Structures are given as C-alpha cells and as structure tokens.
N, C-alpha and C. Protein backbone atom coordinates (compact mmCIF):
# COMPACT_ATOMS: atom_id res chain seq x y z
N MET A 1 -16.04 16.07 6.72
CA MET A 1 -15.18 15.78 5.11
C MET A 1 -15.51 14.78 4.85
N SER A 2 -16.35 14.56 3.25
CA SER A 2 -16.87 12.94 2.96
C SER A 2 -16.17 13.38 1.31
N ILE A 3 -15.45 12.09 1.37
CA ILE A 3 -15.37 11.60 -0.22
C ILE A 3 -16.90 11.92 -1.45
N SER A 4 -16.24 12.77 -2.32
CA SER A 4 -17.23 12.81 -3.52
C SER A 4 -18.36 11.87 -3.68
N LYS A 5 -20.08 12.09 -3.89
CA LYS A 5 -20.88 10.96 -3.92
C LYS A 5 -21.00 10.65 -5.92
N THR A 6 -21.34 9.67 -6.33
CA THR A 6 -21.60 9.10 -7.09
C THR A 6 -23.12 9.01 -7.60
N ASN A 7 -22.92 7.74 -7.63
CA ASN A 7 -24.41 6.79 -7.36
C ASN A 7 -24.25 6.13 -6.18
N HIS A 8 -25.46 5.66 -6.12
CA HIS A 8 -25.84 4.87 -4.26
C HIS A 8 -26.17 3.64 -4.76
N ARG A 9 -25.26 2.71 -5.84
CA ARG A 9 -24.57 1.43 -5.84
C ARG A 9 -23.51 1.10 -4.41
N LYS A 10 -24.08 -0.25 -3.80
CA LYS A 10 -23.16 -0.13 -2.81
C LYS A 10 -22.20 -1.15 -2.53
N THR A 11 -22.48 -2.13 -3.73
CA THR A 11 -21.45 -3.13 -3.99
C THR A 11 -20.65 -3.05 -5.49
N ILE A 12 -19.78 -3.39 -5.26
CA ILE A 12 -18.21 -3.18 -6.80
C ILE A 12 -18.68 -4.01 -7.48
N GLY A 13 -19.15 -3.84 -8.60
CA GLY A 13 -19.03 -4.05 -10.51
C GLY A 13 -18.03 -4.11 -11.33
N PHE A 14 -18.43 -4.65 -12.60
CA PHE A 14 -17.73 -4.96 -13.09
C PHE A 14 -16.53 -3.98 -13.45
N LYS A 15 -16.79 -2.87 -13.97
CA LYS A 15 -16.58 -1.63 -14.01
C LYS A 15 -15.29 -0.87 -13.20
N ASP A 16 -16.15 -1.23 -12.02
CA ASP A 16 -15.51 -0.68 -10.58
C ASP A 16 -14.24 -1.94 -10.61
N VAL A 17 -14.08 -3.11 -11.01
CA VAL A 17 -13.18 -4.05 -10.51
C VAL A 17 -12.10 -3.78 -11.72
N VAL A 18 -12.40 -3.60 -12.83
CA VAL A 18 -11.29 -3.11 -13.98
C VAL A 18 -10.26 -1.92 -13.73
N THR A 19 -11.00 -0.96 -12.80
CA THR A 19 -10.75 0.58 -12.82
C THR A 19 -9.73 0.04 -11.19
N VAL A 20 -10.03 -0.33 -9.90
CA VAL A 20 -9.09 -0.45 -9.31
C VAL A 20 -8.33 -1.34 -9.87
N VAL A 21 -8.36 -2.47 -10.43
CA VAL A 21 -7.17 -3.58 -10.42
C VAL A 21 -6.30 -2.84 -11.30
N LEU A 22 -6.58 -1.63 -12.52
CA LEU A 22 -5.64 -0.50 -13.04
C LEU A 22 -4.84 0.10 -11.85
N PHE A 23 -5.87 0.98 -11.15
CA PHE A 23 -5.14 1.65 -10.08
C PHE A 23 -4.17 0.88 -9.50
N SER A 24 -4.56 -0.63 -8.75
CA SER A 24 -3.81 -1.05 -8.33
C SER A 24 -2.21 -1.31 -8.45
N VAL A 25 -2.43 -1.78 -9.67
CA VAL A 25 -0.91 -2.00 -10.67
C VAL A 25 -0.64 -1.13 -10.76
N LEU A 26 -1.09 0.16 -11.13
CA LEU A 26 -0.25 1.33 -10.52
C LEU A 26 0.73 1.76 -9.81
N THR A 27 -0.13 1.49 -8.64
CA THR A 27 0.46 1.43 -7.38
C THR A 27 1.48 0.80 -7.34
N PHE A 28 1.42 -0.13 -7.63
CA PHE A 28 2.51 -1.51 -7.94
C PHE A 28 3.35 -1.04 -8.03
N ILE A 29 3.61 -0.56 -9.60
CA ILE A 29 4.42 0.22 -10.60
C ILE A 29 4.91 1.03 -10.10
N VAL A 30 4.15 2.64 -9.34
CA VAL A 30 5.11 3.67 -8.32
C VAL A 30 5.96 2.50 -7.20
N SER A 31 5.33 2.27 -6.72
CA SER A 31 6.31 1.65 -5.10
C SER A 31 7.71 1.10 -6.54
N LEU A 32 7.83 0.29 -7.01
CA LEU A 32 9.15 -0.28 -7.85
C LEU A 32 9.65 0.96 -8.03
N VAL A 33 9.02 1.75 -8.85
CA VAL A 33 9.63 2.85 -9.53
C VAL A 33 10.52 3.81 -8.37
N THR A 34 9.55 4.21 -6.96
CA THR A 34 9.82 5.03 -6.29
C THR A 34 11.60 3.83 -5.43
N ALA A 35 11.21 2.83 -5.57
CA ALA A 35 12.41 2.16 -4.62
C ALA A 35 13.55 1.86 -5.31
N ILE A 36 13.77 2.50 -6.41
CA ILE A 36 15.23 2.68 -7.31
C ILE A 36 16.07 3.31 -6.95
N PRO A 37 15.78 4.95 -6.60
CA PRO A 37 16.90 5.69 -5.97
C PRO A 37 17.34 5.38 -4.34
N PHE A 38 16.62 4.49 -3.91
CA PHE A 38 17.02 4.12 -2.65
C PHE A 38 17.55 2.70 -2.65
N SER A 39 17.71 1.87 -3.61
CA SER A 39 17.97 0.54 -3.63
C SER A 39 19.24 0.09 -2.54
N GLY A 40 20.04 1.17 -2.91
CA GLY A 40 21.29 0.59 -2.07
C GLY A 40 21.73 0.72 -0.92
N SER A 41 20.52 1.17 -0.24
CA SER A 41 20.93 1.46 1.36
C SER A 41 19.59 0.92 1.84
N VAL A 42 19.88 0.21 2.87
CA VAL A 42 18.35 -0.46 3.55
C VAL A 42 17.43 0.51 4.18
N TYR A 43 18.10 1.26 5.33
CA TYR A 43 17.48 2.84 5.77
C TYR A 43 16.91 3.40 4.81
N GLY A 44 17.58 4.07 3.87
CA GLY A 44 17.02 4.65 2.45
C GLY A 44 15.98 4.03 2.25
N MET A 45 15.89 2.86 1.60
CA MET A 45 15.07 2.22 1.34
C MET A 45 13.16 2.11 2.21
N LEU A 46 13.81 2.33 3.30
CA LEU A 46 12.39 2.03 4.27
C LEU A 46 12.28 3.57 4.46
N PHE A 47 13.17 4.18 4.84
CA PHE A 47 12.73 5.86 5.10
C PHE A 47 12.45 6.82 3.60
N GLY A 48 13.08 6.17 3.29
CA GLY A 48 12.51 7.21 1.69
C GLY A 48 11.78 6.50 0.36
N GLY A 49 12.25 5.29 0.38
CA GLY A 49 11.00 4.27 -0.89
C GLY A 49 10.05 4.44 -0.39
N TYR A 50 9.83 3.66 0.76
CA TYR A 50 8.51 3.39 1.19
C TYR A 50 7.72 5.17 1.21
N ALA A 51 8.44 6.14 2.32
CA ALA A 51 7.82 7.38 2.13
C ALA A 51 7.07 7.63 0.76
N LEU A 52 7.76 7.97 -0.34
CA LEU A 52 7.52 8.50 -1.56
C LEU A 52 6.66 7.52 -2.02
N MET A 53 6.55 6.62 -1.73
CA MET A 53 5.32 5.39 -2.57
C MET A 53 4.36 6.07 -1.81
N ALA A 54 4.47 6.24 -0.38
CA ALA A 54 2.72 6.35 0.47
C ALA A 54 2.69 7.92 -0.15
N LEU A 55 3.23 8.46 -0.46
CA LEU A 55 3.27 10.25 -0.80
C LEU A 55 2.47 10.63 -1.95
N ILE A 56 3.08 9.32 -3.01
CA ILE A 56 2.99 9.40 -4.68
C ILE A 56 1.47 8.91 -4.94
N CYS A 57 1.65 7.35 -3.93
CA CYS A 57 0.05 6.70 -4.16
C CYS A 57 -1.03 7.08 -3.72
N GLY A 58 -0.90 8.49 -2.66
CA GLY A 58 -1.81 8.73 -1.65
C GLY A 58 -3.41 9.53 -2.56
N PRO A 59 -2.77 10.38 -3.58
CA PRO A 59 -3.63 10.65 -5.15
C PRO A 59 -3.95 9.98 -5.67
N ILE A 60 -3.59 9.04 -6.16
CA ILE A 60 -3.95 8.07 -7.27
C ILE A 60 -5.11 6.86 -6.29
N TYR A 61 -4.59 6.73 -4.91
CA TYR A 61 -5.32 5.86 -4.21
C TYR A 61 -6.65 6.94 -4.13
N GLN A 62 -6.86 8.30 -3.57
CA GLN A 62 -7.52 9.13 -3.60
C GLN A 62 -8.98 9.00 -5.30
N ILE A 63 -8.28 8.98 -6.00
CA ILE A 63 -8.99 9.03 -7.57
C ILE A 63 -10.03 7.46 -7.33
N MET A 64 -8.79 6.81 -6.66
CA MET A 64 -10.13 5.34 -7.19
C MET A 64 -11.34 5.07 -6.16
N ILE A 65 -10.65 5.43 -4.68
CA ILE A 65 -12.07 5.47 -3.68
C ILE A 65 -12.87 6.29 -4.85
N ASN A 66 -12.84 8.01 -4.92
CA ASN A 66 -13.72 8.34 -5.52
C ASN A 66 -14.66 7.62 -6.87
N LYS A 67 -13.65 7.28 -7.66
CA LYS A 67 -14.39 6.55 -8.82
C LYS A 67 -15.07 5.04 -8.40
N ALA A 68 -14.70 4.71 -7.19
CA ALA A 68 -15.17 3.04 -7.13
C ALA A 68 -15.70 3.22 -5.25
N PRO A 69 -16.38 4.07 -4.76
CA PRO A 69 -16.29 3.83 -3.19
C PRO A 69 -17.43 2.83 -3.08
N ARG A 70 -17.20 1.43 -3.20
CA ARG A 70 -18.12 0.74 -2.92
C ARG A 70 -17.50 -0.69 -2.17
N ILE A 71 -18.13 -1.53 -1.48
CA ILE A 71 -18.41 -2.61 -0.82
C ILE A 71 -17.07 -3.77 -1.74
N GLY A 72 -15.91 -3.99 -1.32
CA GLY A 72 -15.51 -4.78 -2.73
C GLY A 72 -13.90 -4.14 -2.77
N THR A 73 -14.25 -2.92 -2.52
CA THR A 73 -12.75 -2.31 -3.30
C THR A 73 -11.33 -1.98 -2.60
N GLN A 74 -11.93 -2.12 -1.15
CA GLN A 74 -10.28 -2.21 -0.11
C GLN A 74 -9.60 -3.61 -0.37
N ILE A 75 -10.52 -4.43 -0.58
CA ILE A 75 -10.03 -6.31 -0.47
C ILE A 75 -9.60 -6.03 -2.08
N LEU A 76 -10.33 -5.99 -2.71
CA LEU A 76 -9.35 -6.08 -4.25
C LEU A 76 -8.26 -5.23 -4.26
N PHE A 77 -8.43 -4.02 -4.29
CA PHE A 77 -7.29 -3.56 -4.01
C PHE A 77 -5.25 -3.60 -3.43
N PHE A 78 -5.77 -4.73 -2.49
CA PHE A 78 -5.12 -5.50 -1.73
C PHE A 78 -4.70 -6.83 -2.50
N SER A 79 -5.80 -7.15 -2.80
CA SER A 79 -5.92 -8.75 -3.73
C SER A 79 -5.36 -8.80 -4.73
N VAL A 80 -4.93 -7.64 -5.29
CA VAL A 80 -3.95 -7.90 -6.66
C VAL A 80 -2.32 -8.30 -6.05
N LYS A 81 -1.84 -7.13 -5.39
CA LYS A 81 -0.29 -7.26 -4.99
C LYS A 81 -0.81 -8.52 -3.76
N ALA A 82 -1.73 -9.00 -3.42
CA ALA A 82 -1.06 -10.33 -2.72
C ALA A 82 -0.64 -11.64 -3.85
N LEU A 83 -1.99 -11.48 -4.55
CA LEU A 83 -1.75 -12.49 -6.26
C LEU A 83 0.08 -12.79 -6.53
N TYR A 84 0.03 -11.46 -6.53
CA TYR A 84 1.53 -11.27 -7.36
C TYR A 84 2.25 -11.70 -6.33
N MET A 85 1.94 -11.36 -4.85
CA MET A 85 3.37 -12.23 -4.15
C MET A 85 3.39 -13.23 -4.04
N LEU A 86 1.93 -14.50 -3.77
CA LEU A 86 1.68 -15.70 -4.11
C LEU A 86 2.17 -16.10 -4.87
N ILE A 87 2.24 -15.77 -6.59
CA ILE A 87 2.66 -16.29 -7.99
C ILE A 87 4.34 -16.52 -7.64
N CYS A 88 4.89 -15.33 -6.75
CA CYS A 88 6.50 -15.07 -6.62
C CYS A 88 7.03 -16.17 -5.86
N GLY A 89 6.25 -17.08 -4.85
CA GLY A 89 5.89 -17.75 -3.82
C GLY A 89 6.02 -17.40 -2.60
N GLN A 90 6.15 -15.94 -2.34
CA GLN A 90 6.03 -15.31 -0.84
C GLN A 90 4.59 -15.18 -0.59
N LEU A 91 4.53 -16.71 0.48
CA LEU A 91 3.04 -16.93 0.76
C LEU A 91 3.00 -16.31 2.66
N LEU A 92 3.60 -15.77 3.16
CA LEU A 92 3.50 -14.98 4.38
C LEU A 92 3.31 -13.55 4.09
N THR A 93 4.20 -12.68 2.80
CA THR A 93 3.67 -11.72 2.63
C THR A 93 2.24 -11.67 1.95
N ALA A 94 1.89 -12.74 0.95
CA ALA A 94 0.72 -12.61 0.29
C ALA A 94 -0.84 -12.97 1.49
N ALA A 95 -0.03 -13.43 2.61
CA ALA A 95 -1.36 -13.46 3.12
C ALA A 95 -1.38 -12.40 4.44
N VAL A 96 -0.26 -11.42 4.41
CA VAL A 96 -0.55 -10.27 5.06
C VAL A 96 -1.14 -9.54 4.10
N PHE A 97 -1.02 -9.36 2.87
CA PHE A 97 -1.83 -8.40 2.15
C PHE A 97 -2.85 -8.99 2.15
N PHE A 98 -3.56 -9.54 2.04
CA PHE A 98 -4.63 -10.08 1.65
C PHE A 98 -5.69 -9.81 3.27
N VAL A 99 -4.83 -10.31 4.63
CA VAL A 99 -5.84 -9.84 5.65
C VAL A 99 -6.17 -8.35 6.11
N GLY A 100 -4.44 -7.96 5.23
CA GLY A 100 -5.08 -6.50 5.00
C GLY A 100 -6.14 -5.69 4.65
N GLY A 101 -6.42 -6.32 3.21
CA GLY A 101 -7.31 -6.28 2.50
C GLY A 101 -8.52 -6.19 2.99
N LEU A 102 -8.81 -7.15 4.13
CA LEU A 102 -9.87 -7.67 4.67
C LEU A 102 -10.19 -6.70 5.87
N ILE A 103 -8.85 -6.09 6.55
CA ILE A 103 -9.25 -4.91 7.62
C ILE A 103 -9.40 -3.66 6.95
N CYS A 104 -8.98 -3.46 5.98
CA CYS A 104 -9.37 -2.05 5.48
C CYS A 104 -10.84 -1.79 5.39
N GLU A 105 -11.00 -3.38 4.39
CA GLU A 105 -12.94 -3.45 4.11
C GLU A 105 -13.19 -2.92 5.52
N ALA A 106 -13.07 -3.81 6.40
CA ALA A 106 -13.86 -3.55 7.39
C ALA A 106 -13.89 -2.39 8.22
N ILE A 107 -12.74 -1.84 7.81
CA ILE A 107 -12.75 0.05 8.29
C ILE A 107 -13.66 0.74 7.35
N CYS A 108 -13.62 0.49 6.16
CA CYS A 108 -14.51 1.10 5.57
C CYS A 108 -15.98 0.87 5.04
N LEU A 109 -16.27 0.02 5.97
CA LEU A 109 -17.74 -0.64 5.82
C LEU A 109 -18.75 0.69 6.44
N GLY A 110 -19.86 0.34 5.95
CA GLY A 110 -21.19 1.47 6.16
C GLY A 110 -20.64 3.01 5.26
N ASP A 111 -20.29 4.23 6.07
CA ASP A 111 -20.59 4.60 5.44
C ASP A 111 -18.70 5.56 5.49
N GLY A 112 -17.56 4.73 5.60
CA GLY A 112 -16.62 4.33 5.16
C GLY A 112 -16.11 5.06 3.47
N TYR A 113 -16.66 4.44 2.49
CA TYR A 113 -15.37 4.86 1.83
C TYR A 113 -15.70 6.02 1.13
N ARG A 114 -17.27 7.13 2.03
CA ARG A 114 -17.62 8.19 1.90
C ARG A 114 -17.28 9.38 2.55
N ASN A 115 -16.23 8.79 3.77
CA ASN A 115 -15.68 9.20 4.98
C ASN A 115 -14.38 9.48 4.75
N MET A 116 -13.50 10.70 5.37
CA MET A 116 -12.26 10.91 4.79
C MET A 116 -11.47 9.97 5.69
N VAL A 117 -12.01 10.47 7.13
CA VAL A 117 -11.10 9.87 7.91
C VAL A 117 -10.97 8.31 7.80
N LYS A 118 -12.08 8.06 7.63
CA LYS A 118 -12.24 6.27 7.42
C LYS A 118 -10.82 5.76 6.38
N SER A 119 -11.56 6.71 4.91
CA SER A 119 -10.81 5.82 3.92
C SER A 119 -9.48 6.35 4.23
N THR A 120 -9.07 7.44 4.85
CA THR A 120 -7.57 7.87 4.71
C THR A 120 -7.08 6.61 5.96
N ALA A 121 -7.28 6.35 6.64
CA ALA A 121 -7.04 5.20 7.50
C ALA A 121 -6.42 3.73 7.15
N ALA A 122 -7.35 3.79 6.14
CA ALA A 122 -7.72 2.88 5.29
C ALA A 122 -6.65 2.92 4.33
N TYR A 123 -6.30 3.87 3.63
CA TYR A 123 -4.98 3.97 3.15
C TYR A 123 -3.87 3.92 3.91
N ALA A 124 -3.63 4.60 5.17
CA ALA A 124 -2.07 4.34 6.08
C ALA A 124 -1.85 3.29 6.56
N LEU A 125 -3.49 2.38 6.93
CA LEU A 125 -3.15 0.75 6.79
C LEU A 125 -2.41 0.04 5.82
N HIS A 126 -3.17 0.48 4.61
CA HIS A 126 -2.19 0.20 3.86
C HIS A 126 -1.18 -0.10 3.56
N THR A 127 -0.49 0.91 3.34
CA THR A 127 0.82 1.22 2.70
C THR A 127 1.93 1.09 3.96
N THR A 128 1.22 1.15 4.99
CA THR A 128 1.99 0.57 6.40
C THR A 128 2.05 -0.96 6.37
N LEU A 129 0.85 -1.81 5.73
CA LEU A 129 1.17 -3.18 6.06
C LEU A 129 1.52 -3.80 4.44
N TYR A 130 1.72 -2.79 3.86
CA TYR A 130 2.43 -2.95 2.43
C TYR A 130 3.71 -3.16 2.54
N GLY A 131 4.27 -2.28 3.25
CA GLY A 131 5.68 -1.42 3.60
C GLY A 131 6.20 -3.04 3.94
N PHE A 132 5.48 -3.39 5.63
CA PHE A 132 6.11 -4.15 6.93
C PHE A 132 5.60 -5.63 6.38
N GLY A 133 4.92 -5.74 4.94
CA GLY A 133 4.55 -7.21 4.58
C GLY A 133 5.53 -7.43 3.92
N SER A 134 6.36 -6.96 3.13
CA SER A 134 7.38 -6.66 1.76
C SER A 134 8.11 -6.82 2.47
N PHE A 135 9.08 -6.94 3.53
CA PHE A 135 9.83 -7.57 4.61
C PHE A 135 9.99 -8.25 5.92
N PHE A 136 8.55 -8.95 5.85
CA PHE A 136 7.92 -9.82 7.05
C PHE A 136 8.99 -11.25 6.64
N PRO A 137 9.04 -11.74 5.66
CA PRO A 137 9.79 -12.46 5.74
C PRO A 137 11.55 -12.94 6.25
N ALA A 138 12.17 -11.51 6.66
CA ALA A 138 13.04 -11.38 7.13
C ALA A 138 13.08 -11.66 8.26
N ILE A 139 11.91 -10.86 9.32
CA ILE A 139 11.63 -11.10 10.63
C ILE A 139 11.31 -12.53 10.94
N PHE A 140 10.39 -13.31 10.14
CA PHE A 140 9.85 -14.66 10.48
C PHE A 140 10.30 -15.22 9.62
N LEU A 141 10.83 -15.42 9.38
CA LEU A 141 11.13 -16.31 8.41
C LEU A 141 12.66 -16.37 8.02
N THR A 142 13.23 -15.93 8.84
CA THR A 142 14.97 -15.37 9.11
C THR A 142 15.61 -16.32 8.40
N GLU A 143 15.79 -17.55 8.43
CA GLU A 143 16.74 -18.45 7.45
C GLU A 143 16.43 -18.76 6.21
N SER A 144 14.73 -19.19 5.71
CA SER A 144 14.90 -19.07 4.25
C SER A 144 14.89 -17.64 3.80
N TYR A 145 14.96 -16.70 4.13
CA TYR A 145 15.20 -15.12 3.50
C TYR A 145 16.35 -15.19 2.89
N SER A 146 17.21 -15.53 4.38
CA SER A 146 18.47 -14.96 4.33
C SER A 146 19.67 -16.11 2.99
N ALA A 147 18.89 -17.67 2.91
CA ALA A 147 18.75 -18.50 1.87
C ALA A 147 18.79 -17.92 0.80
N ARG A 148 17.25 -17.41 0.43
CA ARG A 148 16.88 -16.92 -0.75
C ARG A 148 18.01 -15.89 -1.05
N MET A 149 18.33 -15.02 -0.19
CA MET A 149 19.04 -13.52 -0.73
C MET A 149 20.64 -14.16 -1.24
N THR A 150 20.94 -14.56 -0.75
CA THR A 150 22.43 -15.84 -0.45
C THR A 150 22.19 -15.97 -2.18
N ALA A 151 20.92 -16.98 -2.15
CA ALA A 151 21.11 -17.52 -3.63
C ALA A 151 21.00 -16.78 -4.89
N ALA A 152 20.52 -15.22 -4.29
CA ALA A 152 20.25 -14.37 -5.80
C ALA A 152 21.45 -13.60 -5.77
N GLY A 153 22.76 -13.82 -5.01
CA GLY A 153 23.50 -13.24 -5.33
C GLY A 153 24.52 -12.14 -4.20
N ALA A 154 23.45 -12.11 -2.88
CA ALA A 154 24.09 -10.94 -2.18
C ALA A 154 25.10 -12.05 -1.17
N SER A 155 25.91 -10.84 -0.35
CA SER A 155 27.14 -11.81 0.54
C SER A 155 26.00 -12.12 1.70
N PRO A 156 26.70 -13.17 2.48
CA PRO A 156 25.72 -13.05 3.80
C PRO A 156 26.23 -11.87 4.89
N GLU A 157 26.85 -11.41 4.66
CA GLU A 157 27.41 -9.84 5.62
C GLU A 157 26.55 -9.17 5.16
N SER A 158 25.96 -8.87 4.06
CA SER A 158 24.94 -7.91 3.92
C SER A 158 23.99 -8.65 4.33
N VAL A 159 23.55 -9.80 3.88
CA VAL A 159 22.63 -10.20 4.31
C VAL A 159 21.98 -10.31 5.77
N ALA A 160 22.89 -10.65 6.59
CA ALA A 160 23.29 -10.74 8.27
C ALA A 160 22.44 -8.84 8.37
N ALA A 161 23.27 -7.98 7.44
CA ALA A 161 23.22 -6.36 8.11
C ALA A 161 21.59 -6.08 8.08
N THR A 162 21.12 -6.88 6.93
CA THR A 162 19.33 -6.34 6.54
C THR A 162 18.91 -6.63 7.02
N ILE A 163 18.73 -8.06 7.69
CA ILE A 163 18.40 -8.82 9.19
C ILE A 163 18.27 -8.04 9.98
N GLY A 164 19.27 -7.56 10.61
CA GLY A 164 19.67 -7.13 11.75
C GLY A 164 19.08 -5.08 11.95
N VAL A 165 18.32 -4.61 10.94
CA VAL A 165 18.34 -3.72 10.78
C VAL A 165 16.88 -3.82 11.06
N TYR A 166 16.12 -4.87 9.77
CA TYR A 166 14.73 -5.63 10.30
C TYR A 166 14.14 -5.78 11.77
N HIS A 167 15.51 -6.39 12.72
CA HIS A 167 14.96 -6.58 13.72
C HIS A 167 15.24 -5.78 14.69
N GLN A 168 14.94 -4.14 14.66
CA GLN A 168 15.82 -2.92 14.98
C GLN A 168 14.05 -2.70 15.93
N PRO A 169 13.61 -3.14 17.35
CA PRO A 169 11.94 -2.10 17.46
C PRO A 169 12.19 -0.49 17.01
N LEU A 170 13.24 -0.30 17.23
CA LEU A 170 12.79 1.45 16.72
C LEU A 170 12.09 2.13 15.55
N THR A 171 13.64 1.02 14.52
CA THR A 171 13.57 1.64 13.38
C THR A 171 12.18 1.11 12.95
N MET A 172 11.93 0.04 12.95
CA MET A 172 10.59 -0.20 12.75
C MET A 172 9.46 0.78 13.23
N LEU A 173 9.17 1.40 14.43
CA LEU A 173 8.14 1.93 14.43
C LEU A 173 8.67 3.24 14.03
N GLY A 174 9.66 4.09 13.70
CA GLY A 174 10.07 5.06 13.18
C GLY A 174 9.34 4.93 11.83
N VAL A 175 9.68 3.36 11.14
CA VAL A 175 9.00 3.20 9.37
C VAL A 175 6.91 3.49 9.44
N ALA A 176 6.87 2.80 10.58
CA ALA A 176 5.52 2.94 10.96
C ALA A 176 4.79 4.15 10.85
N VAL A 177 5.41 4.90 11.60
CA VAL A 177 5.28 7.01 12.22
C VAL A 177 5.18 7.84 10.59
N VAL A 178 6.89 7.15 9.54
CA VAL A 178 6.73 8.02 8.77
C VAL A 178 5.85 7.37 7.64
N LEU A 179 5.28 6.09 7.44
CA LEU A 179 4.53 5.58 6.73
C LEU A 179 3.22 6.17 6.52
N ILE A 180 2.84 6.18 7.70
CA ILE A 180 1.37 6.47 8.12
C ILE A 180 1.28 8.19 7.99
N ALA A 181 2.62 8.97 8.25
CA ALA A 181 2.36 10.43 7.95
C ALA A 181 2.31 10.94 6.30
N PHE A 182 2.85 10.06 5.80
CA PHE A 182 3.46 10.74 4.34
C PHE A 182 1.80 9.64 3.45
N SER A 183 1.52 8.92 4.21
CA SER A 183 0.19 8.52 3.80
C SER A 183 -0.91 9.75 3.77
N ILE A 184 -1.15 9.84 5.17
CA ILE A 184 -2.01 11.20 5.41
C ILE A 184 -2.05 12.19 4.62
N ILE A 185 -0.48 12.69 4.19
CA ILE A 185 -0.45 13.63 3.55
C ILE A 185 -0.38 13.19 1.97
N GLY A 186 -0.04 12.60 1.32
CA GLY A 186 -0.70 11.84 -0.13
C GLY A 186 -2.08 12.11 -0.29
N VAL A 187 -2.87 11.54 0.93
CA VAL A 187 -4.18 11.71 0.04
C VAL A 187 -4.88 13.20 0.73
N LEU A 188 -4.70 13.84 1.51
CA LEU A 188 -4.98 15.03 1.33
C LEU A 188 -4.15 15.94 0.04
N ILE A 189 -3.30 15.55 0.11
CA ILE A 189 -2.82 16.39 -1.69
C ILE A 189 -3.74 15.49 -2.67
N GLY A 190 -4.06 14.59 -2.71
CA GLY A 190 -5.08 13.68 -3.68
C GLY A 190 -6.50 14.64 -3.63
N THR A 191 -7.14 14.70 -2.11
CA THR A 191 -8.48 14.95 -2.09
C THR A 191 -8.13 16.68 -2.57
N LYS A 192 -7.37 17.66 -2.26
CA LYS A 192 -7.24 18.55 -3.18
C LYS A 192 -7.37 18.62 -4.96
N MET A 193 -6.16 17.83 -5.28
CA MET A 193 -6.22 17.36 -6.90
C MET A 193 -7.19 16.97 -7.71
N PHE A 194 -8.23 16.05 -6.06
CA PHE A 194 -9.61 15.85 -7.19
C PHE A 194 -10.53 16.81 -7.32
N ARG A 195 -10.81 17.41 -6.42
CA ARG A 195 -11.61 18.93 -6.31
C ARG A 195 -11.16 20.09 -6.86
N LYS A 196 -9.72 19.86 -7.26
CA LYS A 196 -9.60 21.30 -8.15
C LYS A 196 -9.54 20.74 -9.97
N HIS A 197 -9.16 19.25 -10.10
CA HIS A 197 -9.01 19.46 -11.40
C HIS A 197 -10.28 17.51 -11.58
N PHE A 198 -10.11 16.77 -10.95
CA PHE A 198 -11.13 15.78 -11.63
C PHE A 198 -12.60 16.00 -11.33
N ALA A 199 -13.24 16.58 -10.05
CA ALA A 199 -14.37 16.54 -10.28
C ALA A 199 -15.58 17.21 -10.72
N PRO A 200 -14.79 18.72 -10.80
CA PRO A 200 -14.93 19.83 -12.05
C PRO A 200 -15.23 19.15 -13.42
N ALA A 201 -14.53 18.22 -13.94
CA ALA A 201 -14.80 18.03 -15.05
C ALA A 201 -15.45 16.50 -15.26
N GLY A 202 -16.09 16.05 -14.02
CA GLY A 202 -16.85 15.18 -13.70
C GLY A 202 -16.47 13.51 -13.55
N ILE A 203 -14.97 13.54 -13.38
CA ILE A 203 -14.56 12.36 -13.21
C ILE A 203 -14.34 12.04 -12.09
N ALA A 204 -15.95 10.67 -11.72
CA ALA A 204 -15.91 10.44 -10.13
C ALA A 204 -16.76 9.06 -10.60
C-alpha cells in the first residue's frame, strides 16, 4: 500500500514549504486544543490528551504527506515546532524535536514518502517524540523544571507529584504504546478519508 503519487519532483519546493508549515501549525493547534479537557490530570493528559492529538492529527498528517511527499517535509514538519520551543526557551525540547525531524526524514528517504508503512512509522515516531519531548525537561532537568513551574504558580507538592509520574518507567512505556497505537489508527483513518474525499477531487 503506497501513498498517492503526484509529480516526480523529489525535493521540497516553496509551495511545499508553505503547505508543510501550515499543516504543522494546524497540528500544533490541535495539540493545544486536545490538551484542554485533560489539563487537570497528569495521567489524563498523558493517556488522553496525547492520544487524542495523535488520532486527530493522523488524517492531517496523511493529507500533508500526500500533498508534499518530498525530501525535507519531515524535517520541516518537526522544525516548526522546534522553533516555537526554542523561542519559548525550551532548549532540550527543541533539540529533541529537531533530532526527531532528522530521524523521521531518514525513515522516509528513498521511497518512504510514498510507502505507507514507512510514512506511518515516521508519524508514530513524530507523535511519540512530540509527547515525550514536551516533558523531557521534567525528567532530565528536574530542578529547573520545578523552579519554573513553581514560579508559574504551581504548588511545590503538585510539581513534585507531576515529576514523580514522569519518572515511572511503566507509565512512560504505556504512554509510548498508546501514542504509537493511536498514531497508526489516525493515519489509517486519514488514508481512508483521503482516498474517499480528497483524491477524487484532485487534492494531492
């Protein structure tokens, strides 16, 4: 099963850049919106907010890949979010996102952009790293994360409880499994949507 073919240009062009940036911003907005219903619970956010994000963004990703199946798309898709994190001063998260973009690009090199398995694997990795990258500071930069959250108004007790959750290996493994599963489901839904609604209309 392969991604819909458009033209044979291999590298990303200006039109593709605009498309990928817009879709990247859209997925970022979706991640913010899907977090709202689960913002009161760390576990809810990990297993609910991120899973819902992976599911809803799957079709968005699939349409983007069909519109811009070219070298550079994966890097740019992640780099937009990395730039935002860099502006916000989250250097570790920005670094994770940028490296993630490089890995996703490596997965899609060759026929990967037109290969369903490889493009889905890249998306699953993208959502997993996006989820984990968001709370990596709490795991690896615990003191600075705690100070930042406390300065933002969170109580020391709630911050300590949140950090404790992030340091539970089984919980993190569960989050990874859920993100990968919902990413795959999201892409499958996106594939059906594209073939039924977008491909017949010539949107590719």
